[in-house]
C-alpha atoms as a PDB file:
ATOM      1  CA  MET A   1       0.074   0.442   0.187  1.00  0.00           C
ATOM      2  CA  LYS A   2       2.896   2.895   0.452  1.00  0.00           C
ATOM      3  CA  LEU A   3       4.537   1.779  -2.117  1.00  0.00           C
ATOM      4  CA  SER A   4       1.540   2.377  -4.367  1.00  0.00           C
ATOM      5  CA  VAL A   5       0.994   5.695  -2.506  1.00  0.00           C
ATOM      6  CA  VAL A   6       4.740   6.747  -3.367  1.00  0.00           C
ATOM      7  CA  THR A   7       4.362   5.443  -6.512  1.00  0.00           C
ATOM      8  CA  ASN A   8       1.011   7.576  -6.970  1.00  0.00           C
ATOM      9  CA  ILE A   9       3.135  10.853  -5.896  1.00  0.00           C
ATOM     10  CA  MET A  10       6.260  10.327  -7.794  1.00  0.00           C
ATOM     11  CA  ASN A  11       4.487  10.774 -10.801  1.00  0.00           C
ATOM     12  CA  LEU A  12       5.978  11.882 -14.374  1.00  0.00           C
ATOM     13  CA  ALA A  13       5.603  15.304 -13.373  1.00  0.00           C
ATOM     14  CA  ASN A  14       6.683  15.053 -10.385  1.00  0.00           C
ATOM     15  CA  LYS A  15      10.001  13.808 -11.223  1.00  0.00           C
ATOM     16  CA  ILE A  16      10.033  16.269 -14.164  1.00  0.00           C
ATOM     17  CA  THR A  17       9.630  19.020 -11.420  1.00  0.00           C
ATOM     18  CA  LEU A  18      12.563  16.781  -8.827  1.00  0.00           C
ATOM     19  CA  PHE A  19      14.793  17.103 -12.292  1.00  0.00           C
ATOM     20  CA  ARG A  20      14.381  21.136 -12.465  1.00  0.00           C
ATOM     21  CA  ILE A  21      15.276  21.183  -8.542  1.00  0.00           C
ATOM     22  CA  PHE A  22      18.380  18.792  -8.544  1.00  0.00           C
ATOM     23  CA  ALA A  23      19.340  20.469 -11.982  1.00  0.00           C
ATOM     24  CA  THR A  24      19.778  24.161 -10.218  1.00  0.00           C
ATOM     25  CA  PRO A  25      23.154  23.896  -8.270  1.00  0.00           C
ATOM     26  CA  VAL A  26      24.607  21.493 -11.912  1.00  0.00           C
ATOM     27  CA  PHE A  27      23.687  24.920 -13.416  1.00  0.00           C
ATOM     28  CA  LEU A  28      25.366  27.254 -10.602  1.00  0.00           C
ATOM     29  CA  PHE A  29      28.374  24.223 -10.779  1.00  0.00           C
ATOM     30  CA  PHE A  30      29.036  25.219 -14.265  1.00  0.00           C
ATOM     31  CA  LEU A  31      28.634  28.747 -14.093  1.00  0.00           C
ATOM     32  CA  VAL A  32      30.574  29.667 -11.583  1.00  0.00           C
ATOM     33  CA  PRO A  33      33.186  26.804 -10.682  1.00  0.00           C
ATOM     34  CA  GLY A  34      35.294  28.360  -8.419  1.00  0.00           C
ATOM     35  CA  TRP A  35      38.639  26.818  -8.198  1.00  0.00           C
ATOM     36  CA  PHE A  36      37.538  23.127  -8.355  1.00  0.00           C
ATOM     37  CA  GLY A  37      36.032  24.254 -12.284  1.00  0.00           C
ATOM     38  CA  GLN A  38      39.203  26.403 -13.008  1.00  0.00           C
ATOM     39  CA  PHE A  39      41.177  23.163 -12.290  1.00  0.00           C
ATOM     40  CA  PHE A  40      39.305  21.602 -15.350  1.00  0.00           C
ATOM     41  CA  GLY A  41      38.801  24.719 -17.550  1.00  0.00           C
ATOM     42  CA  LEU A  42      35.606  25.341 -16.934  1.00  0.00           C
ATOM     43  CA  ASP A  43      35.715  28.984 -16.592  1.00  0.00           C
ATOM     44  CA  LEU A  44      36.737  29.247 -20.436  1.00  0.00           C
ATOM     45  CA  TRP A  45      33.300  27.007 -21.615  1.00  0.00           C
ATOM     46  CA  GLY A  46      31.927  25.913 -18.531  1.00  0.00           C
ATOM     47  CA  ARG A  47      28.847  28.644 -18.910  1.00  0.00           C
ATOM     48  CA  TYR A  48      27.835  27.575 -22.064  1.00  0.00           C
ATOM     49  CA  VAL A  49      26.978  24.012 -21.060  1.00  0.00           C
ATOM     50  CA  ALA A  50      25.328  26.550 -18.060  1.00  0.00           C
ATOM     51  CA  ALA A  51      23.232  27.943 -20.725  1.00  0.00           C
ATOM     52  CA  GLY A  52      22.315  24.377 -21.957  1.00  0.00           C
ATOM     53  CA  ILE A  53      21.428  23.130 -18.231  1.00  0.00           C
ATOM     54  CA  PHE A  54      19.552  26.536 -18.205  1.00  0.00           C
ATOM     55  CA  ILE A  55      17.244  26.344 -20.907  1.00  0.00           C
ATOM     56  CA  VAL A  56      16.671  22.729 -20.625  1.00  0.00           C
ATOM     57  CA  ALA A  57      15.209  23.296 -16.860  1.00  0.00           C
ATOM     58  CA  SER A  58      13.517  26.120 -17.839  1.00  0.00           C
ATOM     59  CA  ILE A  59      11.258  24.095 -21.239  1.00  0.00           C
ATOM     60  CA  THR A  60      10.342  21.582 -18.024  1.00  0.00           C
ATOM     61  CA  ASP A  61       8.816  24.296 -16.119  1.00  0.00           C
ATOM     62  CA  ALA A  62       5.719  23.940 -18.858  1.00  0.00           C
ATOM     63  CA  ILE A  63       6.423  20.437 -19.440  1.00  0.00           C
ATOM     64  CA  ASP A  64       5.780  18.991 -16.203  1.00  0.00           C
ATOM     65  CA  GLY A  65       2.474  21.527 -16.070  1.00  0.00           C
ATOM     66  CA  ASN A  66       1.073  20.366 -19.290  1.00  0.00           C
ATOM     67  CA  ILE A  67       1.640  16.561 -18.311  1.00  0.00           C
ATOM     68  CA  ALA A  68      -0.268  16.925 -14.720  1.00  0.00           C
ATOM     69  CA  ARG A  69      -2.724  18.727 -16.330  1.00  0.00           C
ATOM     70  CA  LYS A  70      -3.091  16.168 -19.083  1.00  0.00           C
ATOM     71  CA  HIS A  71      -2.954  12.842 -17.399  1.00  0.00           C
ATOM     72  CA  ASN A  72      -4.478  14.029 -14.634  1.00  0.00           C
ATOM     73  CA  MET A  73      -1.381  14.091 -12.285  1.00  0.00           C
ATOM     74  CA  ILE A  74      -1.511  17.001  -9.936  1.00  0.00           C
ATOM     75  CA  THR A  75      -0.688  16.147  -6.277  1.00  0.00           C
ATOM     76  CA  GLU A  76      -0.362  18.244  -3.671  1.00  0.00           C
ATOM     77  CA  LEU A  77       4.043  17.556  -3.836  1.00  0.00           C
ATOM     78  CA  GLY A  78       3.274  18.754  -7.145  1.00  0.00           C
ATOM     79  CA  GLN A  79       1.648  21.796  -6.213  1.00  0.00           C
ATOM     80  CA  PHE A  80       4.303  22.292  -3.903  1.00  0.00           C
ATOM     81  CA  LEU A  81       7.913  21.579  -5.146  1.00  0.00           C
ATOM     82  CA  ASP A  82       6.919  23.375  -9.029  1.00  0.00           C
ATOM     83  CA  PRO A  83       7.085  27.027  -7.227  1.00  0.00           C
ATOM     84  CA  ILE A  84       9.830  26.059  -5.798  1.00  0.00           C
ATOM     85  CA  ALA A  85      11.625  24.787  -8.826  1.00  0.00           C
ATOM     86  CA  ASP A  86      10.972  27.780 -10.791  1.00  0.00           C
ATOM     87  CA  LYS A  87      12.352  30.485  -8.113  1.00  0.00           C
ATOM     88  CA  LEU A  88      15.167  28.051  -7.358  1.00  0.00           C
ATOM     89  CA  LEU A  89      16.326  27.990 -10.839  1.00  0.00           C
ATOM     90  CA  VAL A  90      16.065  31.343 -11.773  1.00  0.00           C
ATOM     91  CA  THR A  91      16.916  32.823  -8.435  1.00  0.00           C
ATOM     92  CA  ALA A  92      20.073  31.077  -8.693  1.00  0.00           C
ATOM     93  CA  ALA A  93      20.852  32.273 -11.711  1.00  0.00           C
ATOM     94  CA  LEU A  94      20.444  36.049 -10.894  1.00  0.00           C
ATOM     95  CA  ILE A  95      22.388  36.538  -7.972  1.00  0.00           C
ATOM     96  CA  ALA A  96      25.209  34.336  -9.779  1.00  0.00           C
ATOM     97  CA  LEU A  97      25.272  36.691 -13.160  1.00  0.00           C
ATOM     98  CA  VAL A  98      25.548  39.304 -10.105  1.00  0.00           C
ATOM     99  CA  LYS A  99      29.425  37.795  -9.696  1.00  0.00           C
ATOM    100  CA  THR A 100      30.073  36.483 -12.991  1.00  0.00           C
ATOM    101  CA  ASP A 101      28.249  39.479 -15.243  1.00  0.00           C
ATOM    102  CA  ASN A 102      28.264  42.406 -13.090  1.00  0.00           C
ATOM    103  CA  LEU A 103      24.222  42.423 -12.738  1.00  0.00           C
ATOM    104  CA  SER A 104      22.940  45.235 -10.879  1.00  0.00           C
ATOM    105  CA  VAL A 105      22.096  44.080  -7.140  1.00  0.00           C
ATOM    106  CA  TRP A 106      18.589  46.314  -7.430  1.00  0.00           C
ATOM    107  CA  ILE A 107      17.703  44.109 -10.561  1.00  0.00           C
ATOM    108  CA  VAL A 108      17.139  40.983  -8.512  1.00  0.00           C
ATOM    109  CA  PHE A 109      16.329  42.471  -5.155  1.00  0.00           C
ATOM    110  CA  ILE A 110      13.255  44.022  -7.356  1.00  0.00           C
ATOM    111  CA  ILE A 111      12.838  40.192  -9.028  1.00  0.00           C
ATOM    112  CA  ILE A 112      12.927  38.278  -5.867  1.00  0.00           C
ATOM    113  CA  ALA A 113      11.679  40.635  -3.791  1.00  0.00           C
ATOM    114  CA  ARG A 114       7.607  40.603  -6.210  1.00  0.00           C
ATOM    115  CA  ASP A 115       8.589  36.731  -5.969  1.00  0.00           C
ATOM    116  CA  PHE A 116       7.901  36.785  -2.056  1.00  0.00           C
ATOM    117  CA  ILE A 117       5.132  38.881  -2.065  1.00  0.00           C
ATOM    118  CA  VAL A 118       3.317  36.962  -4.801  1.00  0.00           C
ATOM    119  CA  THR A 119       4.217  33.928  -2.759  1.00  0.00           C
ATOM    120  CA  GLY A 120       2.773  35.420   0.484  1.00  0.00           C
ATOM    121  CA  PHE A 121      -0.506  36.169  -1.268  1.00  0.00           C
ATOM    122  CA  ARG A 122      -0.505  33.132  -2.826  1.00  0.00           C
ATOM    123  CA  VAL A 123      -0.286  31.350   0.932  1.00  0.00           C
ATOM    124  CA  ILE A 124      -2.686  33.769   2.761  1.00  0.00           C
ATOM    125  CA  ALA A 125      -5.843  32.809  -0.279  1.00  0.00           C
ATOM    126  CA  ALA A 126      -4.558  29.222  -0.343  1.00  0.00           C
ATOM    127  CA  ARG A 127      -5.349  29.161   3.792  1.00  0.00           C
ATOM    128  CA  LYS A 128      -9.226  30.778   2.379  1.00  0.00           C
ATOM    129  CA  GLY A 129      -9.452  28.174  -0.189  1.00  0.00           C
ATOM    130  CA  THR A 130      -8.522  30.760  -3.220  1.00  0.00           C
ATOM    131  CA  VAL A 131      -6.047  30.049  -6.316  1.00  0.00           C
ATOM    132  CA  ILE A 132      -4.596  32.890  -7.245  1.00  0.00           C
ATOM    133  CA  ALA A 133      -3.447  31.772 -10.701  1.00  0.00           C
ATOM    134  CA  ALA A 134      -0.443  33.625 -12.868  1.00  0.00           C
ATOM    135  CA  ASP A 135      -1.484  36.607 -14.717  1.00  0.00           C
ATOM    136  CA  LYS A 136      -1.045  37.562 -18.195  1.00  0.00           C
ATOM    137  CA  TRP A 137       2.213  39.864 -16.992  1.00  0.00           C
ATOM    138  CA  GLY A 138       3.436  37.661 -14.483  1.00  0.00           C
ATOM    139  CA  LYS A 139       4.124  34.935 -17.876  1.00  0.00           C
ATOM    140  CA  ILE A 140       5.089  37.758 -19.813  1.00  0.00           C
ATOM    141  CA  LYS A 141       7.676  38.545 -17.506  1.00  0.00           C
ATOM    142  CA  THR A 142       8.880  35.275 -17.066  1.00  0.00           C
ATOM    143  CA  VAL A 143       8.993  34.365 -20.538  1.00  0.00           C
ATOM    144  CA  VAL A 144      11.386  37.766 -20.975  1.00  0.00           C
ATOM    145  CA  GLN A 145      13.634  37.074 -17.665  1.00  0.00           C
ATOM    146  CA  VAL A 146      14.309  33.579 -19.494  1.00  0.00           C
ATOM    147  CA  ILE A 147      15.516  34.270 -22.809  1.00  0.00           C
ATOM    148  CA  ALA A 148      17.728  37.857 -21.109  1.00  0.00           C
ATOM    149  CA  ILE A 149      19.215  34.715 -18.662  1.00  0.00           C
ATOM    150  CA  VAL A 150      20.057  32.578 -21.747  1.00  0.00           C
ATOM    151  CA  ALA A 151      20.748  35.877 -23.643  1.00  0.00           C
ATOM    152  CA  ILE A 152      23.726  36.596 -20.873  1.00  0.00           C
ATOM    153  CA  LEU A 153      24.980  33.500 -20.278  1.00  0.00           C
ATOM    154  CA  VAL A 154      25.813  32.802 -24.277  1.00  0.00           C
ATOM    155  CA  ASN A 155      27.243  36.519 -24.606  1.00  0.00           C
ATOM    156  CA  ASN A 156      24.684  37.289 -26.335  1.00  0.00           C
ATOM    157  CA  PHE A 157      25.257  35.398 -29.718  1.00  0.00           C
ATOM    158  CA  PRO A 158      24.578  34.855 -32.647  1.00  0.00           C
ATOM    159  CA  LEU A 159      23.707  38.485 -32.112  1.00  0.00           C
ATOM    160  CA  SER A 160      27.009  39.315 -30.961  1.00  0.00           C
ATOM    161  CA  LEU A 161      28.398  38.069 -34.712  1.00  0.00           C
ATOM    162  CA  VAL A 162      27.056  41.604 -35.753  1.00  0.00           C
ATOM    163  CA  THR A 163      26.966  44.230 -33.238  1.00  0.00           C
ATOM    164  CA  ASP A 164      27.996  44.661 -29.763  1.00  0.00           C
ATOM    165  CA  PHE A 165      23.922  45.308 -28.510  1.00  0.00           C
ATOM    166  CA  PRO A 166      23.771  44.450 -24.712  1.00  0.00           C
ATOM    167  CA  LEU A 167      20.367  42.693 -25.784  1.00  0.00           C
ATOM    168  CA  GLY A 168      20.738  40.520 -22.667  1.00  0.00           C
ATOM    169  CA  MET A 169      20.751  43.320 -20.444  1.00  0.00           C
ATOM    170  CA  VAL A 170      18.179  45.364 -22.092  1.00  0.00           C
ATOM    171  CA  LEU A 171      15.567  42.430 -21.852  1.00  0.00           C
ATOM    172  CA  ILE A 172      16.811  41.793 -17.892  1.00  0.00           C
ATOM    173  CA  TYR A 173      16.397  45.444 -17.645  1.00  0.00           C
ATOM    174  CA  ILE A 174      12.343  44.975 -19.494  1.00  0.00           C
ATOM    175  CA  ALA A 175      11.560  42.090 -17.021  1.00  0.00           C
ATOM    176  CA  THR A 176      12.564  43.880 -13.876  1.00  0.00           C
ATOM    177  CA  ILE A 177       9.957  46.799 -15.231  1.00  0.00           C
ATOM    178  CA  LEU A 178       7.492  43.791 -16.445  1.00  0.00           C
ATOM    179  CA  THR A 179       8.322  42.625 -12.708  1.00  0.00           C
ATOM    180  CA  VAL A 180       6.988  45.625 -11.213  1.00  0.00           C
ATOM    181  CA  ILE A 181       4.161  45.666 -13.197  1.00  0.00           C
ATOM    182  CA  SER A 182       3.089  42.401 -12.321  1.00  0.00           C
ATOM    183  CA  GLY A 183       4.126  43.009  -8.872  1.00  0.00           C
ATOM    184  CA  ALA A 184       1.599  45.683  -8.890  1.00  0.00           C
ATOM    185  CA  ASN A 185      -1.513  43.632 -10.617  1.00  0.00           C
ATOM    186  CA  TYR A 186      -1.195  41.127  -7.743  1.00  0.00           C
ATOM    187  CA  LEU A 187      -1.001  43.848  -5.305  1.00  0.00           C
ATOM    188  CA  ALA A 188      -4.322  45.803  -6.627  1.00  0.00           C
ATOM    189  CA  LYS A 189      -5.938  42.512  -7.355  1.00  0.00           C
ATOM    190  CA  ASN A 190      -5.498  40.667  -4.378  1.00  0.00           C
ATOM    191  CA  ALA A 191      -5.254  43.179  -1.577  1.00  0.00           C
ATOM    192  CA  LYS A 192      -8.620  42.405  -0.241  1.00  0.00           C
ATOM    193  CA  LEU A 193      -7.007  39.072   0.932  1.00  0.00           C
ATOM    194  CA  ILE A 194      -5.063  40.814   3.404  1.00  0.00           C
ATOM    195  CA  PHE A 195      -7.547  43.630   4.638  1.00  0.00           C
ATOM    196  CA  ASP A 196     -10.281  41.736   4.336  1.00  0.00           C
ATOM    197  CA  LYS A 197     -11.866  41.301   7.950  1.00  0.00           C
END
């Protein structure tokens, strides 16, 4: 009986989500290798491997949710792990880019702060039996954010072959603006959850 319960919980969707969680430290190893990584020459090509890992892990964000909904694999474990996996990957990437590419700490602070605020609203909503779905601004923000991080990781390749335009950094600023818009939208729509007597 216990084995059956574990099998049901660890379905394909949840396994994909776990893959994204475990991929995060591997991604960091290649992006910020430190002395051990430099010993193997990872400082020269490691960030491109990191970019590949980040792209694959980001794609799984859409895959696990679609599988869970399509095949009725939605579990409480999956609902708990999925947002954690998303936040771990993106937050790890942003913090690492502060070190490797001098990404502004303020950008990272704004993006992480928004995620904390939205998570807080969702926790309160869940206690009241309400589900707060991702809005269009949040989805657009996430897509731009991922593209920006990938562009920075690959040094704006292949655009860098023809111009020095800093596409990645421009996109990360756009993502930050979208982050503020999305956060403000969540506050406006869901403030009653906190102030409701």
